[in-house]
């Protein structure tokens, strides 16, 4: 997706008040990303090596880039019109194809994955050229993004053609360029770069989309937990593991929504630069979603084998997922309240302190200790909020 409003046909059109909440079609679109995250979690659980982690991270960043741009640009599409609905369904279908071949993206289906990933922004640019701009000049942001996508597209396809050990470095470079371009506003000579205020972002709608992205990830963790348990022989240890990992997911939800996640919309509205805060919050949610994905991998591992030795790679996932989540949640605190809660940092420290003991403990007990850390943080949040009312106070931007 690649539409903004600077200099474009829709530049003067104010956001529709009906866009204050996501359209139902956007929720339908999210179903594809449930499948994508399940696939990625399974891939990492099957290959807990540095290479496996890097491969999954590259694919996660690729999927997230598509999702984020769809969320940001939905304000410029009339999703009640047949053309707008058809376009989003087309992107969903292409994303489904990406998710379906992701498990073999570093194998025989690498080229199919790369071509599909490259075609998605091309089809979107064509949609804006034909339907939105209606023959007039394309907005500069569309030109900027498509120019950057064309460069990275060459790298994606080249990596697929090279294959073998050379594919991952080339794709990793491509995804780094994708995100550097997004952070810098996709700058080009003469026409400059996009600025956050150029995007028609409706505060309430985009904040709700971020919350839905977190719910998608939490749902994936629950799905993986249930499917792993149902596919395994029933034992009391597995039942305890099921309870532990489910409680972990519940605590992640509680820590997110109480209260920064709940007040994100108000924080964006009060910000000195709402558009910039909205876009920066995307990175925050990406970190948290990566941590929740780690919880999904933990579910697969711990429910599948709750007892026995805990390998270092397992411990890294079981403790690292919650730690990464807390780091992202701490940044969200700063986004909403202008400061980072000390409980987030304390939680990360406690999780790190547990690491030396993991070789002596079974996986279910390591997961239980991580869950207890999250429970302590959730309790601290509740006590702190009851003592001191929380109001949004976002940092000064711009």
Protein backbone atom coordinates (compact mmCIF):
# COMPACT_ATOMS: atom_id res chain seq x y z
CA UNK A 1 0.00 0.00 0.00
CA UNK A 2 1.43 3.37 -0.85
CA UNK A 3 -0.87 6.31 -0.60
CA UNK A 4 -0.54 9.61 1.17
CA UNK A 5 -1.96 12.99 0.38
CA UNK A 6 0.82 15.46 -0.28
CA UNK A 7 0.18 16.91 -3.66
CA UNK A 8 -2.31 14.19 -4.57
CA UNK A 9 -5.83 14.11 -5.77
CA UNK A 10 -7.21 13.50 -2.32
CA UNK A 11 -5.01 15.95 -0.48
CA UNK A 12 -7.75 18.38 0.35
CA UNK A 13 -10.25 15.76 1.42
CA UNK A 14 -10.64 15.59 5.17
CA UNK A 15 -10.81 12.22 6.84
CA UNK A 16 -14.30 10.79 6.88
CA UNK A 17 -15.76 10.76 10.37
CA UNK A 18 -17.05 7.29 9.61
CA UNK A 19 -13.45 6.08 9.57
CA UNK A 20 -13.01 6.56 13.31
CA UNK A 21 -13.32 2.81 13.69
CA UNK A 22 -11.82 0.14 11.44
CA UNK A 23 -14.06 -1.28 8.74
CA UNK A 24 -15.25 -4.87 9.06
CA UNK A 25 -13.31 -5.68 5.91
CA UNK A 26 -10.09 -4.73 7.71
CA UNK A 27 -10.89 -7.29 10.40
CA UNK A 28 -11.44 -9.85 7.66
CA UNK A 29 -8.06 -8.88 6.23
CA UNK A 30 -6.47 -9.58 9.63
CA UNK A 31 -7.51 -13.24 9.45
CA UNK A 32 -4.76 -13.78 6.90
CA UNK A 33 -2.20 -12.54 9.40
CA UNK A 34 -3.41 -14.99 12.03
CA UNK A 35 -2.39 -17.74 9.61
CA UNK A 36 0.88 -15.96 8.80
CA UNK A 37 1.90 -15.64 12.45
CA UNK A 38 0.96 -19.26 13.18
CA UNK A 39 3.19 -20.32 10.29
CA UNK A 40 6.11 -18.22 11.51
CA UNK A 41 5.75 -19.45 15.09
CA UNK A 42 5.80 -23.05 13.87
CA UNK A 43 8.86 -22.38 11.71
CA UNK A 44 10.80 -20.97 14.66
CA UNK A 45 9.72 -23.78 16.99
CA UNK A 46 11.03 -26.29 14.45
CA UNK A 47 14.39 -24.53 14.06
CA UNK A 48 15.58 -22.82 17.23
CA UNK A 49 18.94 -21.76 15.79
CA UNK A 50 20.36 -18.34 15.06
CA UNK A 51 19.73 -18.95 11.37
CA UNK A 52 16.16 -20.05 12.04
CA UNK A 53 15.58 -16.96 14.18
CA UNK A 54 16.99 -14.68 11.47
CA UNK A 55 14.89 -16.29 8.76
CA UNK A 56 11.68 -15.92 10.74
CA UNK A 57 12.52 -12.34 11.75
CA UNK A 58 13.00 -11.30 8.11
CA UNK A 59 9.64 -12.81 7.16
CA UNK A 60 7.92 -11.26 10.20
CA UNK A 61 9.22 -7.82 9.24
CA UNK A 62 8.05 -8.34 5.66
CA UNK A 63 4.53 -9.31 6.72
CA UNK A 64 4.39 -6.47 9.24
CA UNK A 65 5.39 -3.89 6.64
CA UNK A 66 2.45 -4.92 4.46
CA UNK A 67 0.04 -4.87 7.41
CA UNK A 68 1.22 -1.47 8.66
CA UNK A 69 0.95 0.21 5.27
CA UNK A 70 -2.53 -1.23 4.79
CA UNK A 71 -3.53 0.14 8.21
CA UNK A 72 -2.04 3.59 7.51
CA UNK A 73 -3.53 4.00 4.05
CA UNK A 74 -7.04 2.66 4.69
CA UNK A 75 -8.13 6.23 5.47
CA UNK A 76 -7.64 7.09 1.79
CA UNK A 77 -9.69 4.20 0.45
CA UNK A 78 -13.46 4.06 0.37
CA UNK A 79 -13.94 0.57 1.77
CA UNK A 80 -17.69 0.80 1.20
CA UNK A 81 -17.19 0.95 -2.55
CA UNK A 82 -16.83 -2.20 -4.68
CA UNK A 83 -13.45 -1.05 -5.99
CA UNK A 84 -12.06 -0.34 -2.51
CA UNK A 85 -13.32 -3.65 -1.18
CA UNK A 86 -12.00 -5.49 -4.20
CA UNK A 87 -8.58 -3.94 -3.77
CA UNK A 88 -8.27 -4.87 -0.09
CA UNK A 89 -9.50 -8.40 -0.79
CA UNK A 90 -6.85 -8.67 -3.52
CA UNK A 91 -4.14 -7.63 -1.07
CA UNK A 92 -5.54 -10.15 1.43
CA UNK A 93 -5.40 -12.91 -1.21
CA UNK A 94 -1.80 -12.06 -2.07
CA UNK A 95 -0.93 -11.98 1.64
CA UNK A 96 -2.55 -15.39 2.05
CA UNK A 97 -0.34 -16.72 -0.72
CA UNK A 98 2.69 -15.26 1.06
CA UNK A 99 1.67 -16.96 4.29
CA UNK A 100 0.98 -20.25 2.52
CA UNK A 101 4.47 -20.42 0.99
CA UNK A 102 6.31 -18.87 3.96
CA UNK A 103 7.26 -22.27 5.42
CA UNK A 104 9.22 -22.96 2.23
CA UNK A 105 10.28 -19.38 1.55
CA UNK A 106 13.92 -20.35 1.92
CA UNK A 107 13.49 -23.39 -0.28
CA UNK A 108 11.78 -24.21 -3.55
CA UNK A 109 9.09 -21.50 -3.16
CA UNK A 110 11.47 -18.61 -2.54
CA UNK A 111 10.86 -17.05 -5.94
CA UNK A 112 7.07 -17.30 -5.58
CA UNK A 113 7.28 -15.59 -2.19
CA UNK A 114 9.53 -12.82 -3.54
CA UNK A 115 7.43 -12.13 -6.64
CA UNK A 116 4.22 -12.02 -4.61
CA UNK A 117 5.77 -9.64 -2.08
CA UNK A 118 6.92 -7.34 -4.90
CA UNK A 119 3.60 -7.46 -6.79
CA UNK A 120 1.53 -6.30 -3.78
CA UNK A 121 2.81 -2.67 -3.80
CA UNK A 122 2.80 -2.62 -7.60
CA UNK A 123 -0.89 -3.59 -7.67
CA UNK A 124 -1.61 -0.97 -5.04
CA UNK A 125 0.10 1.76 -7.04
CA UNK A 126 -1.93 0.72 -10.07
CA UNK A 127 -5.12 0.92 -8.01
CA UNK A 128 -4.36 4.46 -6.85
CA UNK A 129 -3.38 5.52 -10.37
CA UNK A 130 -6.56 4.20 -11.99
CA UNK A 131 -9.21 4.50 -9.27
CA UNK A 132 -8.14 7.09 -6.70
CA UNK A 133 -6.21 9.60 -8.80
CA UNK A 134 -8.42 8.93 -11.84
CA UNK A 135 -5.77 9.75 -14.40
CA UNK A 136 -4.30 12.73 -12.53
CA UNK A 137 -0.71 12.79 -11.35
CA UNK A 138 0.10 10.32 -8.62
CA UNK A 139 0.70 11.74 -5.14
CA UNK A 140 4.36 12.20 -4.34
CA UNK A 141 4.22 9.72 -1.49
CA UNK A 142 3.00 7.03 -3.87
CA UNK A 143 5.93 7.78 -6.17
CA UNK A 144 8.41 7.76 -3.28
CA UNK A 145 7.26 4.47 -1.80
CA UNK A 146 7.02 2.72 -5.15
CA UNK A 147 10.52 3.89 -6.08
CA UNK A 148 11.94 2.42 -2.88
CA UNK A 149 9.86 -0.73 -3.33
CA UNK A 150 11.24 -1.14 -6.84
CA UNK A 151 14.80 -1.11 -5.50
CA UNK A 152 14.10 -3.55 -2.69
CA UNK A 153 12.03 -5.68 -5.05
CA UNK A 154 15.14 -6.35 -7.09
CA UNK A 155 16.89 -7.55 -3.93
CA UNK A 156 13.98 -9.81 -2.93
CA UNK A 157 13.91 -11.49 -6.33
CA UNK A 158 17.72 -11.66 -6.56
CA UNK A 159 17.89 -13.34 -3.16
CA UNK A 160 15.34 -15.92 -4.26
CA UNK A 161 17.30 -16.64 -7.45
CA UNK A 162 20.60 -16.92 -5.59
CA UNK A 163 19.14 -19.26 -2.99
CA UNK A 164 21.23 -21.28 -0.58
CA UNK A 165 23.34 -19.49 1.99
CA UNK A 166 23.21 -16.24 0.02
CA UNK A 167 19.45 -15.81 0.16
CA UNK A 168 19.09 -14.82 3.81
CA UNK A 169 21.72 -12.02 3.76
CA UNK A 170 20.20 -10.51 0.60
CA UNK A 171 16.66 -10.64 1.99
CA UNK A 172 17.84 -9.28 5.33
CA UNK A 173 19.45 -6.34 3.50
CA UNK A 174 16.23 -5.80 1.54
CA UNK A 175 14.08 -5.69 4.68
CA UNK A 176 16.53 -3.32 6.38
CA UNK A 177 16.30 -0.97 3.40
CA UNK A 178 12.49 -1.27 3.54
CA UNK A 179 12.42 -0.09 7.15
CA UNK A 180 15.13 2.56 6.74
CA UNK A 181 13.08 3.98 3.88
CA UNK A 182 9.93 4.01 6.01
CA UNK A 183 11.68 5.67 8.96
CA UNK A 184 13.24 8.32 6.74
CA UNK A 185 10.04 8.98 4.79
CA UNK A 186 11.17 7.25 1.58
CA UNK A 187 13.29 10.24 0.42
CA UNK A 188 13.93 10.85 -3.26
CA UNK A 189 15.91 13.55 -5.07
CA UNK A 190 13.92 16.70 -5.94
CA UNK A 191 10.64 15.64 -4.32
CA UNK A 192 12.09 15.08 -0.84
CA UNK A 193 10.57 12.75 1.73
CA UNK A 194 7.17 12.04 3.19
CA UNK A 195 6.36 13.52 6.57
CA UNK A 196 3.94 12.02 9.09
CA UNK A 197 1.52 14.92 8.71
CA UNK A 198 1.19 14.10 4.99
CA UNK A 199 -0.72 10.93 5.88
CA UNK A 200 -4.45 11.14 6.55
CA UNK A 201 -4.30 9.15 9.78
CA UNK A 202 -7.49 9.07 11.85
CA UNK A 203 -6.29 8.81 15.46
CA UNK A 204 -8.98 6.55 16.85
CA UNK A 205 -9.02 4.21 13.86
CA UNK A 206 -5.27 3.66 13.65
CA UNK A 207 -4.94 3.21 17.42
CA UNK A 208 -7.68 0.60 17.25
CA UNK A 209 -5.86 -1.15 14.40
CA UNK A 210 -2.74 -1.37 16.55
CA UNK A 211 -4.76 -2.90 19.37
CA UNK A 212 -6.22 -5.39 16.92
CA UNK A 213 -2.72 -6.33 15.77
CA UNK A 214 -1.85 -7.20 19.36
CA UNK A 215 -5.07 -9.23 19.67
CA UNK A 216 -4.12 -11.11 16.49
CA UNK A 217 -0.80 -12.09 18.04
CA UNK A 218 -2.43 -13.10 21.32
CA UNK A 219 -4.96 -15.16 19.39
CA UNK A 220 -2.14 -16.94 17.58
CA UNK A 221 -0.58 -17.89 20.93
CA UNK A 222 -3.91 -19.34 22.10
CA UNK A 223 -4.36 -21.20 18.81
CA UNK A 224 -0.88 -22.74 19.00
CA UNK A 225 -1.44 -23.69 22.63
CA UNK A 226 -4.72 -25.44 21.89
CA UNK A 227 -3.58 -27.24 18.75
CA UNK A 228 -0.37 -28.46 20.40
CA UNK A 229 -2.28 -29.77 23.40
CA UNK A 230 -4.92 -31.51 21.28
CA UNK A 231 -2.25 -33.16 19.12
CA UNK A 232 -0.31 -34.50 22.12
CA UNK A 233 -1.00 -37.33 24.52
CA UNK A 234 -2.84 -36.08 27.59
CA UNK A 235 -0.75 -35.95 30.77
CA UNK A 236 -1.03 -33.99 33.98
CA UNK A 237 2.22 -32.17 33.16
CA UNK A 238 0.80 -31.05 29.80
CA UNK A 239 -2.36 -29.86 31.53
CA UNK A 240 -0.25 -27.72 33.86
CA UNK A 241 1.74 -26.45 30.88
CA UNK A 242 -1.51 -25.52 29.15
CA UNK A 243 -2.58 -23.53 32.20
CA UNK A 244 0.79 -21.79 32.51
CA UNK A 245 1.09 -20.69 28.89
CA UNK A 246 -2.54 -19.60 28.71
CA UNK A 247 -2.09 -17.55 31.88
CA UNK A 248 0.97 -15.96 30.30
CA UNK A 249 -1.08 -14.87 27.30
CA UNK A 250 -3.80 -13.47 29.56
CA UNK A 251 -1.21 -11.49 31.53
CA UNK A 252 0.29 -10.09 28.33
CA UNK A 253 -3.15 -8.88 27.33
CA UNK A 254 -3.72 -7.36 30.78
CA UNK A 255 -0.35 -5.60 30.85
CA UNK A 256 -0.92 -4.20 27.37
CA UNK A 257 -4.39 -2.81 27.82
CA UNK A 258 -3.95 -1.48 31.38
CA UNK A 259 -3.61 1.39 30.82
CA UNK A 260 -1.34 2.58 28.02
CA UNK A 261 -3.00 0.43 25.37
CA UNK A 262 -6.39 1.68 26.54
CA UNK A 263 -5.33 5.35 26.46
CA UNK A 264 -3.35 5.31 23.21
CA UNK A 265 -6.10 7.09 21.28
CA UNK A 266 -6.20 9.96 23.80
CA UNK A 267 -2.41 10.20 23.78
CA UNK A 268 -2.35 10.57 20.00
CA UNK A 269 -5.04 13.25 20.16
CA UNK A 270 -3.05 15.23 22.79
CA UNK A 271 0.31 14.90 21.04
CA UNK A 272 2.03 17.94 19.54
CA UNK A 273 2.50 15.83 16.40
CA UNK A 274 -0.28 13.20 16.29
CA UNK A 275 0.76 11.74 12.94
CA UNK A 276 4.36 11.22 14.06
CA UNK A 277 3.26 9.64 17.33
CA UNK A 278 0.88 7.37 15.41
CA UNK A 279 3.62 6.14 13.11
CA UNK A 280 6.19 5.74 15.89
CA UNK A 281 3.67 3.66 17.86
CA UNK A 282 3.80 1.16 15.01
CA UNK A 283 7.40 0.26 15.91
CA UNK A 284 6.38 -0.13 19.55
CA UNK A 285 3.64 -2.57 18.64
CA UNK A 286 5.97 -4.49 16.33
CA UNK A 287 8.30 -5.16 19.29
CA UNK A 288 5.41 -6.33 21.44
CA UNK A 289 4.03 -8.56 18.69
CA UNK A 290 7.47 -10.14 18.28
CA UNK A 291 7.47 -10.86 22.01
CA UNK A 292 3.97 -12.36 21.84
CA UNK A 293 5.11 -14.49 18.89
CA UNK A 294 7.82 -15.77 21.23
CA UNK A 295 5.03 -16.77 23.62
CA UNK A 296 3.41 -18.72 20.79
CA UNK A 297 6.67 -20.58 20.22
CA UNK A 298 6.87 -21.20 23.98
CA UNK A 299 3.39 -22.72 23.86
CA UNK A 300 4.48 -25.10 21.11
CA UNK A 301 7.58 -26.17 23.02
CA UNK A 302 6.34 -26.34 26.60
CA UNK A 303 2.98 -27.96 25.94
CA UNK A 304 4.65 -30.43 23.60
CA UNK A 305 7.35 -31.39 26.14
CA UNK A 306 6.79 -29.86 29.58
CA UNK A 307 9.32 -32.01 31.44
CA UNK A 308 12.96 -32.91 30.94
CA UNK A 309 15.95 -30.73 30.23
CA UNK A 310 15.53 -27.11 29.11
CA UNK A 311 18.01 -26.45 26.27
CA UNK A 312 19.55 -22.95 26.12
CA UNK A 313 17.63 -22.19 22.92
CA UNK A 314 14.35 -23.07 24.68
CA UNK A 315 15.24 -20.91 27.66
CA UNK A 316 16.05 -18.02 25.33
CA UNK A 317 12.55 -18.22 23.83
CA UNK A 318 10.67 -18.87 27.08
CA UNK A 319 12.32 -15.93 28.86
CA UNK A 320 13.17 -13.80 25.84
CA UNK A 321 9.58 -13.56 24.56
CA UNK A 322 8.24 -11.91 27.74
CA UNK A 323 11.39 -9.75 28.03
CA UNK A 324 10.99 -8.45 24.48
CA UNK A 325 7.30 -7.85 25.14
CA UNK A 326 8.08 -5.84 28.27
CA UNK A 327 10.63 -3.74 26.39
CA UNK A 328 8.03 -2.89 23.77
CA UNK A 329 5.45 -2.24 26.47
CA UNK A 330 7.91 0.10 28.21
CA UNK A 331 8.30 2.11 25.00
CA UNK A 332 4.51 2.26 24.76
CA UNK A 333 4.49 3.74 28.27
CA UNK A 334 6.80 6.47 27.02
CA UNK A 335 4.59 7.01 23.96
CA UNK A 336 1.46 7.48 26.07
CA UNK A 337 2.74 8.90 29.38
CA UNK A 338 6.12 10.40 28.45
CA UNK A 339 7.97 8.06 30.81
CA UNK A 340 8.84 4.38 31.17
CA UNK A 341 7.36 2.42 34.06
CA UNK A 342 10.01 1.01 36.37
CA UNK A 343 8.08 -2.26 36.62
CA UNK A 344 8.84 -3.00 32.95
CA UNK A 345 12.57 -2.63 33.48
CA UNK A 346 12.40 -4.61 36.73
CA UNK A 347 10.62 -7.40 34.89
CA UNK A 348 13.31 -7.58 32.23
CA UNK A 349 15.99 -7.73 34.94
CA UNK A 350 14.14 -10.51 36.81
CA UNK A 351 13.78 -12.54 33.63
CA UNK A 352 17.50 -12.15 32.94
CA UNK A 353 18.30 -13.28 36.48
CA UNK A 354 16.33 -16.48 35.88
CA UNK A 355 18.46 -17.46 32.89
CA UNK A 356 21.38 -19.08 34.80
CA UNK A 357 19.01 -21.47 36.59
CA UNK A 358 17.20 -22.73 33.48
CA UNK A 359 19.51 -25.72 32.78
CA UNK A 360 18.44 -27.16 36.14
CA UNK A 361 14.70 -26.71 35.58
CA UNK A 362 12.11 -28.38 33.29
CA UNK A 363 10.53 -26.19 30.57
CA UNK A 364 7.17 -25.93 32.34
CA UNK A 365 8.83 -24.57 35.48
CA UNK A 366 10.84 -22.01 33.51
CA UNK A 367 7.59 -20.91 31.85
CA UNK A 368 5.91 -20.76 35.27
CA UNK A 369 8.63 -18.47 36.63
CA UNK A 370 8.29 -16.18 33.59
CA UNK A 371 4.53 -16.13 34.15
CA UNK A 372 5.04 -15.16 37.81
CA UNK A 373 7.20 -12.21 36.73
CA UNK A 374 4.40 -11.02 34.44
CA UNK A 375 1.85 -11.53 37.24
CA UNK A 376 3.93 -9.36 39.58
CA UNK A 377 4.08 -6.62 36.96
CA UNK A 378 0.32 -6.81 36.37
CA UNK A 379 -0.28 -6.56 40.12
CA UNK A 380 2.11 -3.61 40.40
CA UNK A 381 0.27 -1.86 37.57
CA UNK A 382 -3.07 -2.32 39.29
CA UNK A 383 -1.81 -1.01 42.64
CA UNK A 384 -0.03 1.96 41.05
CA UNK A 385 -3.03 2.98 38.97
CA UNK A 386 -5.38 2.83 41.95
CA UNK A 387 -3.05 5.10 43.91
CA UNK A 388 -2.32 7.52 41.07
CA UNK A 389 -4.77 8.27 38.28
CA UNK A 390 -3.17 7.95 34.86
CA UNK A 391 -3.78 10.56 32.19
CA UNK A 392 -2.09 10.63 28.79
CA UNK A 393 0.97 12.91 28.65
CA UNK A 394 2.79 12.07 25.41
CA UNK A 395 6.33 13.37 24.84
CA UNK A 396 6.89 16.61 22.96
CA UNK A 397 7.45 15.88 19.28
CA UNK A 398 8.27 17.95 16.28
